[in-house]
N, C-alpha and C. Protein backbone atom coordinates (compact mmCIF):
# COMPACT_ATOMS: atom_id res chain seq x y z
N MET A 1 8.61 30.85 23.30
CA MET A 1 8.20 30.93 21.91
C MET A 1 7.94 29.54 21.36
N GLN A 2 6.93 29.48 20.55
CA GLN A 2 6.61 28.19 19.92
C GLN A 2 7.35 28.06 18.60
N GLU A 3 7.81 26.84 18.37
CA GLU A 3 8.48 26.55 17.10
C GLU A 3 7.42 26.23 16.06
N GLN A 4 7.56 26.81 14.89
CA GLN A 4 6.58 26.56 13.84
C GLN A 4 6.79 25.18 13.25
N ASN A 5 5.69 24.48 13.05
CA ASN A 5 5.76 23.18 12.42
C ASN A 5 5.82 23.37 10.91
N ARG A 6 6.84 22.81 10.31
CA ARG A 6 7.00 22.90 8.86
C ARG A 6 7.08 21.51 8.29
N THR A 7 6.66 21.39 7.06
CA THR A 7 6.70 20.10 6.38
C THR A 7 8.12 19.81 5.94
N ASP A 8 8.59 18.61 6.25
CA ASP A 8 9.91 18.18 5.80
C ASP A 8 9.79 17.76 4.33
N LYS A 9 10.39 18.54 3.45
CA LYS A 9 10.18 18.34 2.01
C LYS A 9 10.81 17.05 1.49
N ASN A 10 11.93 16.62 2.07
CA ASN A 10 12.56 15.38 1.61
C ASN A 10 11.69 14.17 1.92
N ILE A 11 11.11 14.15 3.12
CA ILE A 11 10.23 13.04 3.47
C ILE A 11 8.95 13.10 2.65
N LEU A 12 8.47 14.31 2.37
CA LEU A 12 7.28 14.47 1.54
C LEU A 12 7.52 13.92 0.14
N LYS A 13 8.70 14.18 -0.43
CA LYS A 13 9.02 13.66 -1.76
C LYS A 13 9.05 12.13 -1.77
N LYS A 14 9.59 11.54 -0.68
CA LYS A 14 9.59 10.07 -0.59
C LYS A 14 8.18 9.52 -0.55
N GLY A 15 7.30 10.19 0.18
CA GLY A 15 5.90 9.76 0.26
C GLY A 15 5.20 9.88 -1.07
N LEU A 16 5.47 10.94 -1.81
CA LEU A 16 4.84 11.11 -3.12
C LEU A 16 5.36 10.09 -4.13
N LYS A 17 6.63 9.71 -4.00
CA LYS A 17 7.17 8.65 -4.87
C LYS A 17 6.49 7.32 -4.58
N LYS A 18 6.25 7.04 -3.31
CA LYS A 18 5.55 5.81 -2.95
C LYS A 18 4.12 5.82 -3.48
N LEU A 19 3.47 6.97 -3.45
CA LEU A 19 2.12 7.06 -3.98
C LEU A 19 2.10 6.93 -5.50
N ALA A 20 3.15 7.40 -6.17
CA ALA A 20 3.24 7.23 -7.63
C ALA A 20 3.40 5.75 -7.99
N ILE A 21 4.23 5.05 -7.22
CA ILE A 21 4.39 3.61 -7.44
C ILE A 21 3.06 2.90 -7.18
N CYS A 22 2.36 3.34 -6.14
CA CYS A 22 1.05 2.76 -5.82
C CYS A 22 0.06 2.97 -6.97
N LEU A 23 0.08 4.13 -7.58
CA LEU A 23 -0.83 4.41 -8.68
C LEU A 23 -0.56 3.48 -9.86
N ILE A 24 0.71 3.25 -10.16
CA ILE A 24 1.06 2.33 -11.24
C ILE A 24 0.58 0.92 -10.92
N LEU A 25 0.81 0.49 -9.68
CA LEU A 25 0.40 -0.85 -9.27
C LEU A 25 -1.12 -0.99 -9.24
N MET A 26 -1.83 0.09 -8.92
CA MET A 26 -3.29 0.03 -8.88
C MET A 26 -3.89 -0.17 -10.27
N PHE A 27 -3.22 0.28 -11.30
CA PHE A 27 -3.70 0.03 -12.66
C PHE A 27 -3.20 -1.31 -13.19
N LEU A 28 -1.97 -1.66 -12.86
CA LEU A 28 -1.37 -2.88 -13.38
C LEU A 28 -2.02 -4.14 -12.79
N GLY A 29 -2.24 -4.16 -11.49
CA GLY A 29 -2.76 -5.35 -10.81
C GLY A 29 -4.13 -5.77 -11.30
N PRO A 30 -5.15 -4.91 -11.23
CA PRO A 30 -6.48 -5.32 -11.70
C PRO A 30 -6.54 -5.60 -13.21
N THR A 31 -5.73 -4.90 -14.00
CA THR A 31 -5.71 -5.17 -15.44
C THR A 31 -5.17 -6.56 -15.70
N LEU A 32 -4.07 -6.90 -15.05
CA LEU A 32 -3.50 -8.24 -15.21
C LEU A 32 -4.44 -9.30 -14.66
N LEU A 33 -5.11 -9.02 -13.57
CA LEU A 33 -6.07 -9.96 -13.00
C LEU A 33 -7.24 -10.20 -13.95
N HIS A 34 -7.72 -9.14 -14.57
CA HIS A 34 -8.82 -9.27 -15.53
C HIS A 34 -8.39 -10.10 -16.74
N LEU A 35 -7.21 -9.82 -17.25
CA LEU A 35 -6.72 -10.59 -18.40
C LEU A 35 -6.50 -12.06 -18.04
N THR A 36 -6.03 -12.30 -16.83
CA THR A 36 -5.79 -13.67 -16.39
C THR A 36 -7.10 -14.44 -16.23
N LEU A 37 -8.10 -13.80 -15.63
CA LEU A 37 -9.36 -14.49 -15.40
C LEU A 37 -10.15 -14.73 -16.69
N ASN A 38 -9.90 -13.94 -17.71
CA ASN A 38 -10.56 -14.16 -19.00
C ASN A 38 -9.93 -15.30 -19.79
N ASN A 39 -8.68 -15.65 -19.49
CA ASN A 39 -7.98 -16.70 -20.22
C ASN A 39 -7.59 -17.83 -19.27
N ASP A 40 -8.59 -18.48 -18.69
CA ASP A 40 -8.29 -19.52 -17.70
C ASP A 40 -7.87 -20.85 -18.31
N ASP A 41 -7.88 -20.96 -19.63
CA ASP A 41 -7.47 -22.21 -20.26
C ASP A 41 -6.00 -22.19 -20.70
N LYS A 42 -5.31 -21.10 -20.46
CA LYS A 42 -3.90 -20.97 -20.85
C LYS A 42 -2.99 -21.69 -19.85
N PRO A 43 -1.79 -22.10 -20.28
CA PRO A 43 -0.89 -22.82 -19.36
C PRO A 43 -0.29 -21.95 -18.25
N LEU A 44 -0.23 -20.65 -18.44
CA LEU A 44 0.33 -19.76 -17.41
C LEU A 44 -0.74 -19.14 -16.52
N TYR A 45 -1.89 -19.79 -16.41
CA TYR A 45 -3.00 -19.24 -15.65
C TYR A 45 -2.65 -19.06 -14.17
N ILE A 46 -2.15 -20.10 -13.52
CA ILE A 46 -1.88 -20.04 -12.08
C ILE A 46 -0.74 -19.06 -11.75
N PRO A 47 0.40 -19.08 -12.47
CA PRO A 47 1.45 -18.09 -12.13
C PRO A 47 1.00 -16.64 -12.35
N LEU A 48 0.24 -16.39 -13.41
CA LEU A 48 -0.24 -15.02 -13.64
C LEU A 48 -1.28 -14.61 -12.60
N LEU A 49 -2.09 -15.55 -12.17
CA LEU A 49 -3.09 -15.25 -11.15
C LEU A 49 -2.41 -14.89 -9.83
N ILE A 50 -1.41 -15.66 -9.45
CA ILE A 50 -0.68 -15.39 -8.22
C ILE A 50 0.06 -14.05 -8.31
N THR A 51 0.67 -13.79 -9.46
CA THR A 51 1.40 -12.53 -9.66
C THR A 51 0.46 -11.33 -9.59
N SER A 52 -0.69 -11.43 -10.20
CA SER A 52 -1.62 -10.30 -10.20
C SER A 52 -2.19 -10.05 -8.81
N ILE A 53 -2.43 -11.10 -8.04
CA ILE A 53 -2.91 -10.92 -6.68
C ILE A 53 -1.83 -10.28 -5.81
N ILE A 54 -0.60 -10.68 -5.99
CA ILE A 54 0.52 -10.07 -5.24
C ILE A 54 0.66 -8.60 -5.60
N ILE A 55 0.49 -8.25 -6.88
CA ILE A 55 0.58 -6.85 -7.30
C ILE A 55 -0.55 -6.04 -6.67
N CYS A 56 -1.76 -6.59 -6.60
CA CYS A 56 -2.88 -5.88 -5.98
C CYS A 56 -2.64 -5.65 -4.49
N ILE A 57 -2.12 -6.65 -3.81
CA ILE A 57 -1.84 -6.51 -2.38
C ILE A 57 -0.72 -5.49 -2.16
N SER A 58 0.30 -5.52 -3.02
CA SER A 58 1.40 -4.57 -2.85
C SER A 58 0.94 -3.14 -3.14
N ALA A 59 -0.07 -2.95 -3.99
CA ALA A 59 -0.60 -1.61 -4.22
C ALA A 59 -1.24 -1.05 -2.96
N VAL A 60 -1.98 -1.88 -2.25
CA VAL A 60 -2.61 -1.44 -1.00
C VAL A 60 -1.54 -1.13 0.05
N ILE A 61 -0.51 -1.96 0.12
CA ILE A 61 0.57 -1.73 1.08
C ILE A 61 1.32 -0.43 0.75
N MET A 62 1.61 -0.20 -0.53
CA MET A 62 2.31 1.03 -0.92
C MET A 62 1.45 2.27 -0.64
N LEU A 63 0.13 2.14 -0.78
CA LEU A 63 -0.75 3.25 -0.46
C LEU A 63 -0.66 3.59 1.02
N PHE A 64 -0.70 2.58 1.87
CA PHE A 64 -0.59 2.82 3.31
C PHE A 64 0.76 3.42 3.67
N LEU A 65 1.84 2.87 3.11
CA LEU A 65 3.18 3.39 3.42
C LEU A 65 3.36 4.82 2.92
N GLY A 66 2.84 5.12 1.73
CA GLY A 66 2.96 6.47 1.18
C GLY A 66 2.21 7.49 2.01
N LEU A 67 0.98 7.17 2.40
CA LEU A 67 0.22 8.10 3.23
C LEU A 67 0.85 8.26 4.61
N ASN A 68 1.37 7.17 5.15
CA ASN A 68 2.04 7.24 6.45
C ASN A 68 3.28 8.12 6.37
N THR A 69 4.05 8.02 5.29
CA THR A 69 5.24 8.85 5.12
C THR A 69 4.88 10.32 4.98
N ILE A 70 3.81 10.61 4.26
CA ILE A 70 3.37 12.00 4.09
C ILE A 70 2.90 12.57 5.43
N MET A 71 2.20 11.77 6.21
CA MET A 71 1.76 12.24 7.52
C MET A 71 2.97 12.48 8.44
N ASP A 72 3.99 11.63 8.32
CA ASP A 72 5.21 11.85 9.11
C ASP A 72 5.89 13.15 8.72
N SER A 73 5.88 13.49 7.44
CA SER A 73 6.53 14.73 7.02
C SER A 73 5.77 15.96 7.51
N MET A 74 4.47 15.86 7.63
CA MET A 74 3.68 17.01 8.06
C MET A 74 3.71 17.23 9.57
N PHE A 75 3.67 16.14 10.31
CA PHE A 75 3.52 16.27 11.75
C PHE A 75 4.77 15.94 12.54
N LYS A 76 5.91 15.79 11.86
CA LYS A 76 7.23 15.63 12.50
C LYS A 76 7.26 14.49 13.51
N ARG A 77 6.72 13.35 13.14
CA ARG A 77 6.78 12.20 14.03
C ARG A 77 8.12 11.53 13.81
N LYS A 78 8.95 11.53 14.81
CA LYS A 78 10.30 10.96 14.71
C LYS A 78 10.24 9.48 14.96
N LYS A 79 11.07 8.72 14.19
CA LYS A 79 11.13 7.26 14.36
C LYS A 79 12.39 6.90 15.09
């Protein structure tokens, strides 16, 4: 008999939480970057620019991790 593949709901919830964090970062990063690039004469230009770039990169990383976690929950890939 074949065992039915079922989605692990706890791992799926973790993946959806990561995607929710990614969604927040996807709006926050480019908005902060736009505000920073429009005000390049301010004294906090360089720290805000670095922070906004880090937020944008972390959004992409969280997207990859969230999708990877969701795929793990669906296809039962054990680590």
